[in-house]
Amino acid sequence: MTGRVAAVNLGVVTEAEWAGDASGRSGIDKRPVDGPVLIRFDGVVGDFIGERAHHGSPDQAVYAYAEEDAGWWTTELGRDIRPGGFGENLTTYAVDVTGAVIGEQWQVGAALLQVTKPRTPCTTFAGYWGVPDLIKRFTARALPGAYLRVLREGEVGPGDPVEVVERPAHGVTIGEVFRATSLEPELLPRLLDAQDLPEKIREKARRRLAALG
């Protein structure tokens, strides 16, 4: 089955005590739009990002989360989670987001996107959902979704196919990076093989490996 975009979501301004931005504003509340949106190198046009120190940047211009993984959380929490509920720009269907290889390239609509890193859960995420232990539960589930950099700008809309057009041979996946940095330090050496992984994460892996001896 060909993967596709189930929804394209844009953040709205949310003011709350749990918002991570110094001004108390967050863009984690992302809502589906009806038509295509333009994805640029620095992010999705019309998307609000509150805390730019930790969100946005070329290495995480777009965030994708799988509809199937969201379905698991719907059952786990006993609540309906609409597209955008994870703060994702792209809700995907029939795309193995956790199994995506670092550096893998996706043709999505007119845009060309590249898988860069997993999402790290934060207190803003837990506050938005109103689930105090969400970080612990999200980490244990280890289905973090993927950040993407933009290699070619273009419009992307609901229903557009998601086609993997290039996949690096090293095979290091989003899931492996997440588990290596949070749950399974024995996987850290694998991260050094992924040349397209942001250098900050690779350097952190080197430091941890040195500390482990």
Protein backbone atom coordinates (compact mmCIF):
# COMPACT_ATOMS: atom_id res chain seq x y z
CA MET A 1 0.00 0.00 0.00
CA THR A 2 1.34 3.42 -0.91
CA GLY A 3 1.76 5.75 2.03
CA ARG A 4 -0.02 9.06 1.97
CA VAL A 5 -0.63 12.25 3.87
CA ALA A 6 -3.75 11.78 5.97
CA ALA A 7 -3.75 15.42 7.12
CA VAL A 8 -1.71 18.60 6.99
CA ASN A 9 -1.81 20.52 10.25
CA LEU A 10 -0.92 24.09 11.21
CA GLY A 11 -0.29 25.37 14.73
CA VAL A 12 -2.44 28.02 16.31
CA VAL A 13 -1.35 30.27 19.16
CA THR A 14 -2.13 28.74 22.55
CA GLU A 15 -1.47 30.68 25.75
CA ALA A 16 -1.10 28.51 28.84
CA GLU A 17 0.97 28.06 31.99
CA TRP A 18 2.48 24.87 30.58
CA ALA A 19 3.65 26.54 27.36
CA GLY A 20 7.42 26.29 27.06
CA ASP A 21 7.95 29.67 25.45
CA ALA A 22 9.01 32.52 27.75
CA SER A 23 5.93 34.44 26.64
CA GLY A 24 3.66 31.56 27.66
CA ARG A 25 2.68 30.76 24.08
CA SER A 26 2.87 27.45 22.24
CA GLY A 27 2.12 26.17 18.74
CA ILE A 28 1.66 22.54 19.77
CA ASP A 29 -2.07 22.75 19.04
CA LYS A 30 -2.01 21.99 15.31
CA ARG A 31 -5.22 21.67 13.33
CA PRO A 32 -6.00 20.12 9.95
CA VAL A 33 -6.40 22.34 6.91
CA ASP A 34 -8.49 21.56 3.85
CA GLY A 35 -6.07 22.38 1.05
CA PRO A 36 -2.36 22.27 0.25
CA VAL A 37 0.18 24.35 2.11
CA LEU A 38 3.64 25.51 1.07
CA ILE A 39 6.57 23.86 2.81
CA ARG A 40 9.73 25.98 2.80
CA PHE A 41 13.25 25.22 3.95
CA ASP A 42 12.54 26.82 7.34
CA GLY A 43 9.14 25.19 7.91
CA VAL A 44 5.49 25.11 6.95
CA VAL A 45 3.97 28.40 5.87
CA GLY A 46 1.23 29.45 8.31
CA ASP A 47 2.46 27.23 11.15
CA PHE A 48 2.97 28.95 14.50
CA ILE A 49 6.03 27.91 16.50
CA GLY A 50 6.30 29.32 20.01
CA GLU A 51 9.59 28.05 21.43
CA ARG A 52 12.06 28.37 18.57
CA ALA A 53 15.01 27.47 20.79
CA HIS A 54 13.79 23.85 20.72
CA HIS A 55 11.40 23.71 17.73
CA GLY A 56 11.88 24.70 14.14
CA SER A 57 15.33 25.02 12.45
CA PRO A 58 16.33 23.34 9.16
CA ASP A 59 16.88 19.96 10.84
CA GLN A 60 13.32 19.92 12.19
CA ALA A 61 11.39 22.03 9.73
CA VAL A 62 8.53 19.53 9.51
CA TYR A 63 7.25 16.96 12.02
CA ALA A 64 5.47 13.77 10.92
CA TYR A 65 3.49 11.33 13.04
CA ALA A 66 1.73 8.16 11.95
CA GLU A 67 -2.05 7.91 12.13
CA GLU A 68 -1.68 4.27 13.19
CA ASP A 69 0.49 5.20 16.18
CA ALA A 70 -1.98 7.90 17.18
CA GLY A 71 -4.66 5.19 17.14
CA TRP A 72 -2.78 3.25 19.82
CA TRP A 73 -2.80 6.32 22.07
CA THR A 74 -6.52 6.80 21.46
CA THR A 75 -7.09 3.35 22.95
CA GLU A 76 -4.50 3.76 25.69
CA LEU A 77 -5.88 7.07 26.97
CA GLY A 78 -9.54 6.48 26.14
CA ARG A 79 -9.85 9.73 24.23
CA ASP A 80 -10.15 10.73 20.61
CA ILE A 81 -6.93 12.23 19.24
CA ARG A 82 -7.50 14.21 16.08
CA PRO A 83 -4.84 14.82 13.42
CA GLY A 84 -2.34 17.35 14.73
CA GLY A 85 -2.86 16.16 18.30
CA PHE A 86 0.82 15.28 18.63
CA GLY A 87 1.88 18.67 17.33
CA GLU A 88 2.66 17.12 13.96
CA ASN A 89 2.54 19.01 10.67
CA LEU A 90 1.98 15.84 8.65
CA THR A 91 -0.24 13.02 9.84
CA THR A 92 0.74 10.02 7.71
CA TYR A 93 -1.05 6.80 6.79
CA ALA A 94 0.69 3.54 5.79
CA VAL A 95 4.13 5.09 6.32
CA ASP A 96 6.61 3.35 8.64
CA VAL A 97 7.71 6.52 10.42
CA THR A 98 9.49 4.75 13.28
CA GLY A 99 11.28 2.47 10.81
CA ALA A 100 12.34 5.37 8.57
CA VAL A 101 16.11 5.48 8.07
CA ILE A 102 18.01 8.63 9.04
CA GLY A 103 18.72 10.47 5.79
CA GLU A 104 15.87 8.75 3.96
CA GLN A 105 14.21 11.02 1.39
CA TRP A 106 10.44 11.31 0.92
CA GLN A 107 8.72 12.73 -2.10
CA VAL A 108 5.57 14.32 -0.65
CA GLY A 109 3.43 16.34 -3.01
CA ALA A 110 5.78 18.82 -4.69
CA ALA A 111 8.23 18.81 -1.75
CA LEU A 112 11.27 16.62 -1.15
CA LEU A 113 11.81 15.91 2.55
CA GLN A 114 14.59 14.13 4.42
CA VAL A 115 14.30 12.21 7.71
CA THR A 116 16.62 13.73 10.34
CA LYS A 117 15.77 12.78 13.95
CA PRO A 118 13.07 11.57 16.35
CA ARG A 119 10.96 13.89 18.44
CA THR A 120 11.82 14.18 22.14
CA PRO A 121 8.77 14.53 24.42
CA CYS A 122 8.68 17.68 26.54
CA THR A 123 6.72 19.18 29.42
CA THR A 124 4.75 21.35 26.98
CA PHE A 125 3.50 18.15 25.33
CA ALA A 126 2.46 16.68 28.69
CA GLY A 127 0.76 19.93 29.72
CA TYR A 128 -1.17 20.20 26.48
CA TRP A 129 -2.56 16.70 26.88
CA GLY A 130 -3.10 17.07 30.63
CA VAL A 131 -1.29 13.79 31.31
CA PRO A 132 1.41 14.38 33.97
CA ASP A 133 3.34 11.16 33.28
CA LEU A 134 3.11 11.45 29.50
CA ILE A 135 6.86 11.89 28.97
CA LYS A 136 7.57 8.60 30.74
CA ARG A 137 4.79 6.78 28.85
CA PHE A 138 5.70 8.31 25.47
CA THR A 139 9.33 7.32 25.98
CA ALA A 140 8.44 3.75 26.95
CA ARG A 141 6.21 3.38 23.89
CA ALA A 142 9.15 4.53 21.69
CA LEU A 143 7.08 5.64 18.70
CA PRO A 144 8.28 9.25 18.58
CA GLY A 145 7.50 10.39 15.06
CA ALA A 146 10.12 11.93 12.76
CA TYR A 147 11.47 15.38 12.11
CA LEU A 148 12.24 16.24 8.50
CA ARG A 149 14.42 18.75 6.71
CA VAL A 150 13.31 20.24 3.40
CA LEU A 151 15.50 19.48 0.39
CA ARG A 152 13.07 20.97 -2.13
CA GLU A 153 10.31 23.41 -1.31
CA GLY A 154 6.80 22.74 -2.56
CA GLU A 155 3.12 22.43 -1.77
CA VAL A 156 1.80 19.45 0.18
CA GLY A 157 -1.85 18.63 0.75
CA PRO A 158 -4.09 15.98 2.31
CA GLY A 159 -4.14 12.79 0.23
CA ASP A 160 -0.74 13.35 -1.38
CA PRO A 161 1.31 10.14 -1.68
CA VAL A 162 4.44 9.67 0.42
CA GLU A 163 7.11 7.93 -1.66
CA VAL A 164 10.51 6.88 -0.35
CA VAL A 165 12.89 7.82 -3.16
CA GLU A 166 16.23 7.23 -1.42
CA ARG A 167 17.29 5.22 1.62
CA PRO A 168 20.84 5.19 3.05
CA ALA A 169 22.54 1.83 3.41
CA HIS A 170 23.51 2.29 7.09
CA GLY A 171 19.96 1.37 8.14
CA VAL A 172 19.88 3.41 11.36
CA THR A 173 16.23 4.20 12.00
CA ILE A 174 14.24 6.84 13.85
CA GLY A 175 13.28 4.18 16.38
CA GLU A 176 16.90 3.15 16.99
CA VAL A 177 18.03 6.75 17.55
CA PHE A 178 15.20 7.33 20.02
CA ARG A 179 15.90 4.13 21.95
CA ALA A 180 19.67 4.75 21.94
CA THR A 181 19.30 8.20 23.47
CA SER A 182 16.60 7.30 25.99
CA LEU A 183 16.28 3.58 26.73
CA GLU A 184 19.06 1.44 25.26
CA PRO A 185 22.54 3.02 25.45
CA GLU A 186 24.03 -0.12 23.94
CA LEU A 187 22.69 1.18 20.62
CA LEU A 188 24.72 4.42 20.80
CA PRO A 189 27.57 3.16 18.55
CA ARG A 190 25.04 2.76 15.74
CA LEU A 191 24.36 6.49 15.75
CA LEU A 192 27.89 7.24 14.57
CA ASP A 193 27.11 5.43 11.30
CA ALA A 194 24.27 7.81 10.42
CA GLN A 195 25.99 10.71 8.64
CA ASP A 196 22.72 12.62 8.14
CA LEU A 197 21.89 12.60 11.86
CA PRO A 198 22.29 16.14 13.26
CA GLU A 199 25.84 16.61 14.56
CA LYS A 200 24.58 17.64 18.01
CA ILE A 201 23.12 14.16 18.53
CA ARG A 202 26.20 12.40 17.15
CA GLU A 203 28.45 14.42 19.46
CA LYS A 204 26.22 13.60 22.43
CA ALA A 205 26.52 9.91 21.53
CA ARG A 206 30.34 10.22 21.42
CA ARG A 207 30.42 11.85 24.85
CA ARG A 208 28.18 9.21 26.38
CA LEU A 209 30.20 6.40 24.85
CA ALA A 210 33.39 7.94 26.23
CA ALA A 211 31.81 8.22 29.69
CA LEU A 212 30.70 4.58 29.52
CA GLY A 213 34.27 3.60 28.74
